[in-house]
């Protein structure tokens, strides 16, 4: 085995961890893969002869790549990218591939990723590396070009913003979560407004991302009555097929029509009530998101109709 093969083999051992770091940093599966590939290119060019801790070195390299990507997002002026919901990680209900498990080892739900998107690039990096991956500030500081004390302040500021967003902790019982989501769809199909309001938290937040062609950013609806009305309108379309999935470890649904995926929905269920509903409804993006674990249209039989 030559040096390149040895290096590639060791890099592959670290790839799941690096992808998990990049996903939390970027909230985009495609960009996370790009960041990991860029990290490999840097490693293959420079080698690792003088590297004592390859895993730690690769983590800081992928973090630098992600930081540059986040800063580029913020400073792109000619055609600003519209805000959008982060990419979800989809798995079949009751299953999970090793790579998916690595991505979601800390139960990173869409609600948390939405909050992370509101942080500055430096805040996000310090929070992700320290609070999610336990890197010391002495190693984080050079990545953001700050002193360890300043990096600690960035992380503290990010932590306050995350805590202030009051991201709800989901119910620990996945069976109960799925029952609540099933009851939600049943009530929406019946057009039972009162039943929907009863199972939604009074301050429930519904977000819907229809893609850049439809609007400039996610549509946000707040309050049980408003979300219930919108849910009934969505279910009234008819002809939709429901496919239960796990979305970032939470109960979700892929909605298809005539064998084509139309939307991915993710639910946060806390204390028996639905507190957040996140929907990605750009069909092209939905196909991309579900393609890693699903084959359309033949893989799934019709499991239920909306």
C-alpha atoms as a PDB file:
ATOM      1  CA  UNK A   1       0.000   0.000   0.000  1.00  0.00           C
ATOM      2  CA  UNK A   2       1.469   3.347  -1.054  1.00  0.00           C
ATOM      3  CA  UNK A   3       1.211   6.595   0.907  1.00  0.00           C
ATOM      4  CA  UNK A   4      -1.813   7.857  -1.009  1.00  0.00           C
ATOM      5  CA  UNK A   5      -3.792   4.676  -0.350  1.00  0.00           C
ATOM      6  CA  UNK A   6      -2.848   4.779   3.334  1.00  0.00           C
ATOM      7  CA  UNK A   7      -3.945   8.409   3.557  1.00  0.00           C
ATOM      8  CA  UNK A   8      -7.215   7.733   1.724  1.00  0.00           C
ATOM      9  CA  UNK A   9      -8.003   4.809   4.006  1.00  0.00           C
ATOM     10  CA  UNK A  10      -7.508   6.875   7.144  1.00  0.00           C
ATOM     11  CA  UNK A  11      -9.487   9.776   5.681  1.00  0.00           C
ATOM     12  CA  UNK A  12     -12.444   7.466   5.020  1.00  0.00           C
ATOM     13  CA  UNK A  13     -12.419   6.462   8.682  1.00  0.00           C
ATOM     14  CA  UNK A  14     -12.922  10.117   9.602  1.00  0.00           C
ATOM     15  CA  UNK A  15     -15.379  10.973   6.805  1.00  0.00           C
ATOM     16  CA  UNK A  16     -18.621  10.380   8.834  1.00  0.00           C
ATOM     17  CA  UNK A  17     -17.373  12.660  11.613  1.00  0.00           C
ATOM     18  CA  UNK A  18     -16.272  15.346   9.167  1.00  0.00           C
ATOM     19  CA  UNK A  19     -19.611  15.229   7.365  1.00  0.00           C
ATOM     20  CA  UNK A  20     -21.415  15.564  10.701  1.00  0.00           C
ATOM     21  CA  UNK A  21     -19.363  18.668  11.541  1.00  0.00           C
ATOM     22  CA  UNK A  22     -19.980  20.176   8.099  1.00  0.00           C
ATOM     23  CA  UNK A  23     -23.720  19.458   8.208  1.00  0.00           C
ATOM     24  CA  UNK A  24     -24.092  21.258  11.523  1.00  0.00           C
ATOM     25  CA  UNK A  25     -22.019  24.145  10.220  1.00  0.00           C
ATOM     26  CA  UNK A  26     -23.816  24.541   6.896  1.00  0.00           C
ATOM     27  CA  UNK A  27     -27.292  22.980   7.207  1.00  0.00           C
ATOM     28  CA  UNK A  28     -26.898  21.729   3.625  1.00  0.00           C
ATOM     29  CA  UNK A  29     -26.134  18.124   2.699  1.00  0.00           C
ATOM     30  CA  UNK A  30     -24.673  19.035  -0.696  1.00  0.00           C
ATOM     31  CA  UNK A  31     -22.484  21.786   0.744  1.00  0.00           C
ATOM     32  CA  UNK A  32     -21.389  19.490   3.573  1.00  0.00           C
ATOM     33  CA  UNK A  33     -20.230  16.921   1.004  1.00  0.00           C
ATOM     34  CA  UNK A  34     -18.403  19.677  -0.908  1.00  0.00           C
ATOM     35  CA  UNK A  35     -16.653  20.773   2.281  1.00  0.00           C
ATOM     36  CA  UNK A  36     -15.557  17.214   3.079  1.00  0.00           C
ATOM     37  CA  UNK A  37     -14.270  16.753  -0.476  1.00  0.00           C
ATOM     38  CA  UNK A  38     -12.320  20.028  -0.239  1.00  0.00           C
ATOM     39  CA  UNK A  39     -10.816  18.786   3.023  1.00  0.00           C
ATOM     40  CA  UNK A  40      -9.656  15.601   1.300  1.00  0.00           C
ATOM     41  CA  UNK A  41      -8.075  17.596  -1.525  1.00  0.00           C
ATOM     42  CA  UNK A  42      -6.162  19.707   0.985  1.00  0.00           C
ATOM     43  CA  UNK A  43      -5.010  16.587   2.825  1.00  0.00           C
ATOM     44  CA  UNK A  44      -3.953  14.803  -0.373  1.00  0.00           C
ATOM     45  CA  UNK A  45      -1.901  17.831  -1.449  1.00  0.00           C
ATOM     46  CA  UNK A  46      -0.191  18.482   1.872  1.00  0.00           C
ATOM     47  CA  UNK A  47       0.033  14.970   3.319  1.00  0.00           C
ATOM     48  CA  UNK A  48      -0.001  14.152   7.015  1.00  0.00           C
ATOM     49  CA  UNK A  49       3.617  13.411   7.770  1.00  0.00           C
ATOM     50  CA  UNK A  50       3.850  16.040  10.501  1.00  0.00           C
ATOM     51  CA  UNK A  51       0.312  15.599  11.863  1.00  0.00           C
ATOM     52  CA  UNK A  52       0.139  13.943  15.274  1.00  0.00           C
ATOM     53  CA  UNK A  53      -3.657  13.950  15.629  1.00  0.00           C
ATOM     54  CA  UNK A  54      -5.143  13.392  12.173  1.00  0.00           C
ATOM     55  CA  UNK A  55      -8.764  13.472  13.373  1.00  0.00           C
ATOM     56  CA  UNK A  56      -8.323  16.781  15.169  1.00  0.00           C
ATOM     57  CA  UNK A  57      -6.399  18.275  12.255  1.00  0.00           C
ATOM     58  CA  UNK A  58      -9.095  17.242   9.754  1.00  0.00           C
ATOM     59  CA  UNK A  59     -11.814  18.648  12.004  1.00  0.00           C
ATOM     60  CA  UNK A  60     -10.163  22.061  12.048  1.00  0.00           C
ATOM     61  CA  UNK A  61      -9.603  21.941   8.276  1.00  0.00           C
ATOM     62  CA  UNK A  62     -13.232  21.118   7.488  1.00  0.00           C
ATOM     63  CA  UNK A  63     -14.280  23.817   9.965  1.00  0.00           C
ATOM     64  CA  UNK A  64     -12.135  26.378   8.118  1.00  0.00           C
ATOM     65  CA  UNK A  65     -13.665  25.344   4.808  1.00  0.00           C
ATOM     66  CA  UNK A  66     -17.180  25.652   6.241  1.00  0.00           C
ATOM     67  CA  UNK A  67     -16.393  29.019   7.817  1.00  0.00           C
ATOM     68  CA  UNK A  68     -15.257  30.345   4.441  1.00  0.00           C
ATOM     69  CA  UNK A  69     -18.464  29.043   2.852  1.00  0.00           C
ATOM     70  CA  UNK A  70     -20.605  30.706   5.537  1.00  0.00           C
ATOM     71  CA  UNK A  71     -18.742  33.994   5.179  1.00  0.00           C
ATOM     72  CA  UNK A  72     -19.172  33.818   1.410  1.00  0.00           C
ATOM     73  CA  UNK A  73     -22.920  33.420   1.889  1.00  0.00           C
ATOM     74  CA  UNK A  74     -23.036  36.572   3.982  1.00  0.00           C
ATOM     75  CA  UNK A  75     -20.869  38.690   1.726  1.00  0.00           C
ATOM     76  CA  UNK A  76     -22.362  37.717  -1.622  1.00  0.00           C
ATOM     77  CA  UNK A  77     -23.958  40.965  -2.751  1.00  0.00           C
ATOM     78  CA  UNK A  78     -24.727  40.644  -6.447  1.00  0.00           C
ATOM     79  CA  UNK A  79     -27.497  38.028  -6.138  1.00  0.00           C
ATOM     80  CA  UNK A  80     -28.288  37.299  -2.476  1.00  0.00           C
ATOM     81  CA  UNK A  81     -29.398  33.726  -1.906  1.00  0.00           C
ATOM     82  CA  UNK A  82     -32.901  33.497  -0.461  1.00  0.00           C
ATOM     83  CA  UNK A  83     -33.294  32.158   3.040  1.00  0.00           C
ATOM     84  CA  UNK A  84     -34.431  28.551   3.136  1.00  0.00           C
ATOM     85  CA  UNK A  85     -35.035  25.754   5.574  1.00  0.00           C
ATOM     86  CA  UNK A  86     -31.979  23.571   6.220  1.00  0.00           C
ATOM     87  CA  UNK A  87     -31.709  20.219   4.472  1.00  0.00           C
ATOM     88  CA  UNK A  88     -33.263  17.421   6.537  1.00  0.00           C
ATOM     89  CA  UNK A  89     -31.777  13.938   6.930  1.00  0.00           C
ATOM     90  CA  UNK A  90     -34.387  11.363   5.912  1.00  0.00           C
ATOM     91  CA  UNK A  91     -34.542   7.722   6.994  1.00  0.00           C
ATOM     92  CA  UNK A  92     -37.258   5.125   6.758  1.00  0.00           C
ATOM     93  CA  UNK A  93     -39.338   4.894   9.914  1.00  0.00           C
ATOM     94  CA  UNK A  94     -37.681   2.501  12.340  1.00  0.00           C
ATOM     95  CA  UNK A  95     -34.375   2.329  10.423  1.00  0.00           C
ATOM     96  CA  UNK A  96     -31.205   4.322  10.171  1.00  0.00           C
ATOM     97  CA  UNK A  97     -28.029   3.921   8.166  1.00  0.00           C
ATOM     98  CA  UNK A  98     -24.645   4.364   9.902  1.00  0.00           C
ATOM     99  CA  UNK A  99     -23.934   7.603   8.022  1.00  0.00           C
ATOM    100  CA  UNK A 100     -27.339   8.993   9.036  1.00  0.00           C
ATOM    101  CA  UNK A 101     -26.694   8.016  12.654  1.00  0.00           C
ATOM    102  CA  UNK A 102     -23.362   9.855  12.557  1.00  0.00           C
ATOM    103  CA  UNK A 103     -25.026  12.959  11.135  1.00  0.00           C
ATOM    104  CA  UNK A 104     -27.650  12.952  13.878  1.00  0.00           C
ATOM    105  CA  UNK A 105     -25.642  11.644  16.819  1.00  0.00           C
ATOM    106  CA  UNK A 106     -26.612  14.684  18.893  1.00  0.00           C
ATOM    107  CA  UNK A 107     -30.260  14.710  17.766  1.00  0.00           C
ATOM    108  CA  UNK A 108     -29.799  17.825  15.672  1.00  0.00           C
ATOM    109  CA  UNK A 109     -33.348  18.666  14.703  1.00  0.00           C
ATOM    110  CA  UNK A 110     -34.418  21.091  12.014  1.00  0.00           C
ATOM    111  CA  UNK A 111     -35.572  23.543  14.686  1.00  0.00           C
ATOM    112  CA  UNK A 112     -32.020  23.810  16.043  1.00  0.00           C
ATOM    113  CA  UNK A 113     -30.546  24.146  12.549  1.00  0.00           C
ATOM    114  CA  UNK A 114     -32.945  27.031  11.874  1.00  0.00           C
ATOM    115  CA  UNK A 115     -31.611  28.783  14.982  1.00  0.00           C
ATOM    116  CA  UNK A 116     -28.006  28.090  13.970  1.00  0.00           C
ATOM    117  CA  UNK A 117     -28.689  29.751  10.615  1.00  0.00           C
ATOM    118  CA  UNK A 118     -29.370  33.001  12.500  1.00  0.00           C
ATOM    119  CA  UNK A 119     -25.898  33.041  14.094  1.00  0.00           C
ATOM    120  CA  UNK A 120     -22.918  34.811  12.594  1.00  0.00           C
ATOM    121  CA  UNK A 121     -20.405  32.467  10.905  1.00  0.00           C
ATOM    122  CA  UNK A 122     -17.895  32.839  13.760  1.00  0.00           C
ATOM    123  CA  UNK A 123     -20.585  32.258  16.404  1.00  0.00           C
ATOM    124  CA  UNK A 124     -21.815  29.178  14.605  1.00  0.00           C
ATOM    125  CA  UNK A 125     -18.341  27.691  14.277  1.00  0.00           C
ATOM    126  CA  UNK A 126     -17.411  28.184  17.916  1.00  0.00           C
ATOM    127  CA  UNK A 127     -20.770  26.846  19.116  1.00  0.00           C
ATOM    128  CA  UNK A 128     -20.685  23.784  16.865  1.00  0.00           C
ATOM    129  CA  UNK A 129     -17.079  22.857  17.579  1.00  0.00           C
ATOM    130  CA  UNK A 130     -17.209  23.476  21.330  1.00  0.00           C
ATOM    131  CA  UNK A 131     -20.764  22.673  22.401  1.00  0.00           C
ATOM    132  CA  UNK A 132     -21.430  19.839  19.942  1.00  0.00           C
ATOM    133  CA  UNK A 133     -17.970  18.320  19.455  1.00  0.00           C
ATOM    134  CA  UNK A 134     -16.142  19.299  22.672  1.00  0.00           C
ATOM    135  CA  UNK A 135     -13.165  20.951  20.979  1.00  0.00           C
ATOM    136  CA  UNK A 136     -11.203  23.188  23.377  1.00  0.00           C
ATOM    137  CA  UNK A 137     -11.141  26.898  22.690  1.00  0.00           C
ATOM    138  CA  UNK A 138      -7.367  26.763  22.261  1.00  0.00           C
ATOM    139  CA  UNK A 139      -7.936  24.727  19.083  1.00  0.00           C
ATOM    140  CA  UNK A 140     -10.947  26.745  17.918  1.00  0.00           C
ATOM    141  CA  UNK A 141      -9.338  30.166  18.348  1.00  0.00           C
ATOM    142  CA  UNK A 142      -6.901  29.955  15.372  1.00  0.00           C
ATOM    143  CA  UNK A 143      -9.746  28.945  13.039  1.00  0.00           C
ATOM    144  CA  UNK A 144     -11.660  32.173  13.714  1.00  0.00           C
ATOM    145  CA  UNK A 145      -8.525  34.276  14.149  1.00  0.00           C
ATOM    146  CA  UNK A 146      -9.289  35.139  17.774  1.00  0.00           C
ATOM    147  CA  UNK A 147      -7.755  34.513  21.164  1.00  0.00           C
ATOM    148  CA  UNK A 148      -9.117  31.553  23.163  1.00  0.00           C
ATOM    149  CA  UNK A 149     -10.866  34.022  25.481  1.00  0.00           C
ATOM    150  CA  UNK A 150     -12.524  35.779  22.535  1.00  0.00           C
ATOM    151  CA  UNK A 151     -13.553  32.446  21.023  1.00  0.00           C
ATOM    152  CA  UNK A 152     -15.130  31.519  24.348  1.00  0.00           C
ATOM    153  CA  UNK A 153     -17.100  34.772  24.294  1.00  0.00           C
ATOM    154  CA  UNK A 154     -18.365  33.968  20.794  1.00  0.00           C
ATOM    155  CA  UNK A 155     -19.539  30.565  21.962  1.00  0.00           C
ATOM    156  CA  UNK A 156     -21.248  32.045  25.015  1.00  0.00           C
ATOM    157  CA  UNK A 157     -23.047  34.597  22.840  1.00  0.00           C
ATOM    158  CA  UNK A 158     -24.165  31.859  20.463  1.00  0.00           C
ATOM    159  CA  UNK A 159     -25.312  29.699  23.354  1.00  0.00           C
ATOM    160  CA  UNK A 160     -27.445  32.521  24.752  1.00  0.00           C
ATOM    161  CA  UNK A 161     -29.096  32.992  21.356  1.00  0.00           C
ATOM    162  CA  UNK A 162     -29.789  29.261  21.035  1.00  0.00           C
ATOM    163  CA  UNK A 163     -31.195  29.090  24.549  1.00  0.00           C
ATOM    164  CA  UNK A 164     -33.207  32.250  23.974  1.00  0.00           C
ATOM    165  CA  UNK A 165     -34.818  30.670  20.931  1.00  0.00           C
ATOM    166  CA  UNK A 166     -36.275  28.080  23.328  1.00  0.00           C
ATOM    167  CA  UNK A 167     -35.954  25.125  20.957  1.00  0.00           C
ATOM    168  CA  UNK A 168     -38.416  22.583  22.397  1.00  0.00           C
ATOM    169  CA  UNK A 169     -37.114  19.253  23.648  1.00  0.00           C
ATOM    170  CA  UNK A 170     -39.047  16.493  21.854  1.00  0.00           C
ATOM    171  CA  UNK A 171     -40.907  13.766  23.707  1.00  0.00           C
ATOM    172  CA  UNK A 172     -38.583  10.814  24.370  1.00  0.00           C
ATOM    173  CA  UNK A 173     -41.071   8.174  23.173  1.00  0.00           C
ATOM    174  CA  UNK A 174     -40.939   7.841  19.352  1.00  0.00           C
ATOM    175  CA  UNK A 175     -44.101   5.710  19.334  1.00  0.00           C
ATOM    176  CA  UNK A 176     -46.044   8.455  21.103  1.00  0.00           C
ATOM    177  CA  UNK A 177     -44.600  11.048  18.735  1.00  0.00           C
ATOM    178  CA  UNK A 178     -45.766   9.015  15.739  1.00  0.00           C
ATOM    179  CA  UNK A 179     -49.256   8.602  17.256  1.00  0.00           C
ATOM    180  CA  UNK A 180     -49.604  12.373  17.625  1.00  0.00           C
ATOM    181  CA  UNK A 181     -48.491  12.952  14.019  1.00  0.00           C
ATOM    182  CA  UNK A 182     -50.874  10.261  12.781  1.00  0.00           C
ATOM    183  CA  UNK A 183     -53.739  11.900  14.653  1.00  0.00           C
ATOM    184  CA  UNK A 184     -52.768  15.246  13.121  1.00  0.00           C
ATOM    185  CA  UNK A 185     -53.097  13.936   9.572  1.00  0.00           C
ATOM    186  CA  UNK A 186     -56.335  12.118  10.381  1.00  0.00           C
ATOM    187  CA  UNK A 187     -57.876  15.312  11.751  1.00  0.00           C
ATOM    188  CA  UNK A 188     -56.622  17.335   8.771  1.00  0.00           C
ATOM    189  CA  UNK A 189     -58.189  14.854   6.336  1.00  0.00           C
ATOM    190  CA  UNK A 190     -61.500  15.069   8.205  1.00  0.00           C
ATOM    191  CA  UNK A 191     -61.322  18.850   8.257  1.00  0.00           C
ATOM    192  CA  UNK A 192     -61.695  18.691  12.056  1.00  0.00           C
ATOM    193  CA  UNK A 193     -60.532  22.162  13.064  1.00  0.00           C
ATOM    194  CA  UNK A 194     -61.177  21.748  16.796  1.00  0.00           C
ATOM    195  CA  UNK A 195     -59.258  18.461  16.953  1.00  0.00           C
ATOM    196  CA  UNK A 196     -56.282  20.038  15.208  1.00  0.00           C
ATOM    197  CA  UNK A 197     -56.237  23.033  17.523  1.00  0.00           C
ATOM    198  CA  UNK A 198     -56.355  20.690  20.521  1.00  0.00           C
ATOM    199  CA  UNK A 199     -53.233  18.799  19.460  1.00  0.00           C
ATOM    200  CA  UNK A 200     -51.254  21.891  18.454  1.00  0.00           C
ATOM    201  CA  UNK A 201     -49.361  23.930  21.029  1.00  0.00           C
ATOM    202  CA  UNK A 202     -50.915  27.418  21.353  1.00  0.00           C
ATOM    203  CA  UNK A 203     -47.633  28.945  20.140  1.00  0.00           C
ATOM    204  CA  UNK A 204     -46.945  26.364  17.440  1.00  0.00           C
ATOM    205  CA  UNK A 205     -44.760  27.539  14.551  1.00  0.00           C
ATOM    206  CA  UNK A 206     -45.282  26.296  11.020  1.00  0.00           C
ATOM    207  CA  UNK A 207     -42.609  26.950   8.407  1.00  0.00           C
ATOM    208  CA  UNK A 208     -42.976  26.138   4.714  1.00  0.00           C
ATOM    209  CA  UNK A 209     -40.196  26.444   2.160  1.00  0.00           C
ATOM    210  CA  UNK A 210     -41.557  26.397  -1.409  1.00  0.00           C
ATOM    211  CA  UNK A 211     -38.256  27.197  -3.092  1.00  0.00           C
ATOM    212  CA  UNK A 212     -36.725  30.324  -4.588  1.00  0.00           C
ATOM    213  CA  UNK A 213     -39.124  30.381  -7.549  1.00  0.00           C
ATOM    214  CA  UNK A 214     -42.161  30.662  -5.312  1.00  0.00           C
ATOM    215  CA  UNK A 215     -40.990  33.107  -2.634  1.00  0.00           C
ATOM    216  CA  UNK A 216     -37.961  34.825  -1.143  1.00  0.00           C
ATOM    217  CA  UNK A 217     -37.825  32.711   2.002  1.00  0.00           C
ATOM    218  CA  UNK A 218     -39.765  30.299   4.185  1.00  0.00           C
ATOM    219  CA  UNK A 219     -43.376  31.169   4.952  1.00  0.00           C
ATOM    220  CA  UNK A 220     -43.861  31.284   8.727  1.00  0.00           C
ATOM    221  CA  UNK A 221     -47.252  30.809  10.401  1.00  0.00           C
ATOM    222  CA  UNK A 222     -47.698  31.123  14.170  1.00  0.00           C
ATOM    223  CA  UNK A 223     -50.470  30.036  16.478  1.00  0.00           C
ATOM    224  CA  UNK A 224     -52.637  26.931  16.704  1.00  0.00           C
ATOM    225  CA  UNK A 225     -55.656  28.320  14.861  1.00  0.00           C
ATOM    226  CA  UNK A 226     -53.655  29.696  11.925  1.00  0.00           C
ATOM    227  CA  UNK A 227     -51.655  26.463  11.555  1.00  0.00           C
ATOM    228  CA  UNK A 228     -54.844  24.365  11.833  1.00  0.00           C
ATOM    229  CA  UNK A 229     -56.538  26.343   9.059  1.00  0.00           C
ATOM    230  CA  UNK A 230     -53.537  26.005   6.772  1.00  0.00           C
ATOM    231  CA  UNK A 231     -53.301  22.263   7.500  1.00  0.00           C
ATOM    232  CA  UNK A 232     -56.924  21.698   6.514  1.00  0.00           C
ATOM    233  CA  UNK A 233     -56.382  23.637   3.286  1.00  0.00           C
ATOM    234  CA  UNK A 234     -53.363  21.495   2.459  1.00  0.00           C
ATOM    235  CA  UNK A 235     -55.176  18.227   3.121  1.00  0.00           C
ATOM    236  CA  UNK A 236     -58.178  19.305   1.040  1.00  0.00           C
ATOM    237  CA  UNK A 237     -56.144  19.008  -2.164  1.00  0.00           C
ATOM    238  CA  UNK A 238     -56.667  15.213  -2.215  1.00  0.00           C
ATOM    239  CA  UNK A 239     -54.791  12.530  -4.104  1.00  0.00           C
ATOM    240  CA  UNK A 240     -51.688  12.767  -1.940  1.00  0.00           C
ATOM    241  CA  UNK A 241     -49.965   9.662  -0.596  1.00  0.00           C
ATOM    242  CA  UNK A 242     -48.324   9.705   2.847  1.00  0.00           C
ATOM    243  CA  UNK A 243     -45.047   7.885   3.595  1.00  0.00           C
ATOM    244  CA  UNK A 244     -43.967   7.891   7.280  1.00  0.00           C
ATOM    245  CA  UNK A 245     -40.268   8.646   7.746  1.00  0.00           C
ATOM    246  CA  UNK A 246     -37.872   9.938  10.360  1.00  0.00           C
ATOM    247  CA  UNK A 247     -36.643  13.462   9.688  1.00  0.00           C
ATOM    248  CA  UNK A 248     -33.516  14.310  11.693  1.00  0.00           C
ATOM    249  CA  UNK A 249     -34.639  11.676  14.156  1.00  0.00           C
ATOM    250  CA  UNK A 250     -38.109  13.197  14.554  1.00  0.00           C
ATOM    251  CA  UNK A 251     -41.406  11.921  13.115  1.00  0.00           C
ATOM    252  CA  UNK A 252     -41.982  13.109   9.590  1.00  0.00           C
ATOM    253  CA  UNK A 253     -43.828  12.450   6.389  1.00  0.00           C
ATOM    254  CA  UNK A 254     -42.932  12.449   2.725  1.00  0.00           C
ATOM    255  CA  UNK A 255     -45.950  13.403   0.636  1.00  0.00           C
ATOM    256  CA  UNK A 256     -46.165  12.200  -2.948  1.00  0.00           C
ATOM    257  CA  UNK A 257     -48.645  12.308  -5.792  1.00  0.00           C
ATOM    258  CA  UNK A 258     -48.663   9.855  -8.703  1.00  0.00           C
ATOM    259  CA  UNK A 259     -45.278   8.501  -7.624  1.00  0.00           C
ATOM    260  CA  UNK A 260     -43.575  11.895  -7.388  1.00  0.00           C
ATOM    261  CA  UNK A 261     -42.388  13.326  -4.048  1.00  0.00           C
ATOM    262  CA  UNK A 262     -43.905  16.737  -3.405  1.00  0.00           C
ATOM    263  CA  UNK A 263     -43.020  17.637   0.170  1.00  0.00           C
ATOM    264  CA  UNK A 264     -41.146  16.602   3.286  1.00  0.00           C
ATOM    265  CA  UNK A 265     -42.712  17.454   6.640  1.00  0.00           C
ATOM    266  CA  UNK A 266     -41.029  17.288  10.036  1.00  0.00           C
ATOM    267  CA  UNK A 267     -42.841  17.546  13.383  1.00  0.00           C
ATOM    268  CA  UNK A 268     -41.569  18.472  16.831  1.00  0.00           C
ATOM    269  CA  UNK A 269     -43.766  16.878  19.495  1.00  0.00           C
ATOM    270  CA  UNK A 270     -43.262  18.018  23.100  1.00  0.00           C
ATOM    271  CA  UNK A 271     -45.489  17.125  26.061  1.00  0.00           C
ATOM    272  CA  UNK A 272     -47.965  15.503  23.700  1.00  0.00           C
ATOM    273  CA  UNK A 273     -48.448  18.639  21.582  1.00  0.00           C
ATOM    274  CA  UNK A 274     -47.036  19.619  18.207  1.00  0.00           C
ATOM    275  CA  UNK A 275     -44.816  22.638  18.747  1.00  0.00           C
ATOM    276  CA  UNK A 276     -43.218  23.000  15.309  1.00  0.00           C
ATOM    277  CA  UNK A 277     -43.980  21.856  11.773  1.00  0.00           C
ATOM    278  CA  UNK A 278     -41.338  22.320   9.085  1.00  0.00           C
ATOM    279  CA  UNK A 279     -42.258  21.666   5.465  1.00  0.00           C
ATOM    280  CA  UNK A 280     -40.026  21.634   2.398  1.00  0.00           C
ATOM    281  CA  UNK A 281     -42.282  21.774  -0.655  1.00  0.00           C
ATOM    282  CA  UNK A 282     -39.917  22.476  -3.539  1.00  0.00           C
ATOM    283  CA  UNK A 283     -40.387  19.232  -5.558  1.00  0.00           C
ATOM    284  CA  UNK A 284     -36.907  19.330  -7.091  1.00  0.00           C
ATOM    285  CA  UNK A 285     -35.247  19.796  -3.724  1.00  0.00           C
ATOM    286  CA  UNK A 286     -37.484  17.139  -2.173  1.00  0.00           C
ATOM    287  CA  UNK A 287     -36.368  14.599  -4.789  1.00  0.00           C
ATOM    288  CA  UNK A 288     -32.748  15.423  -4.018  1.00  0.00           C
ATOM    289  CA  UNK A 289     -33.259  15.147  -0.254  1.00  0.00           C
ATOM    290  CA  UNK A 290     -35.085  11.810  -0.426  1.00  0.00           C
ATOM    291  CA  UNK A 291     -32.928  10.247  -3.154  1.00  0.00           C
ATOM    292  CA  UNK A 292     -30.279   9.047  -0.690  1.00  0.00           C
ATOM    293  CA  UNK A 293     -32.642   6.556   0.942  1.00  0.00           C
ATOM    294  CA  UNK A 294     -35.652   6.297  -1.391  1.00  0.00           C
ATOM    295  CA  UNK A 295     -36.236   5.232  -4.963  1.00  0.00           C
ATOM    296  CA  UNK A 296     -39.150   6.780  -6.782  1.00  0.00           C
ATOM    297  CA  UNK A 297     -41.717   5.690  -7.677  1.00  0.00           C
ATOM    298  CA  UNK A 298     -41.487   1.931  -7.154  1.00  0.00           C
ATOM    299  CA  UNK A 299     -39.958   1.566  -3.678  1.00  0.00           C
ATOM    300  CA  UNK A 300     -43.017   2.486  -1.662  1.00  0.00           C
ATOM    301  CA  UNK A 301     -46.497   1.112  -1.888  1.00  0.00           C
ATOM    302  CA  UNK A 302     -49.243   3.569  -1.088  1.00  0.00           C
ATOM    303  CA  UNK A 303     -49.433   3.656   2.685  1.00  0.00           C
ATOM    304  CA  UNK A 304     -52.151   6.237   3.151  1.00  0.00           C
ATOM    305  CA  UNK A 305     -53.893   9.113   1.445  1.00  0.00           C
ATOM    306  CA  UNK A 306     -53.997  12.705   2.617  1.00  0.00           C
END
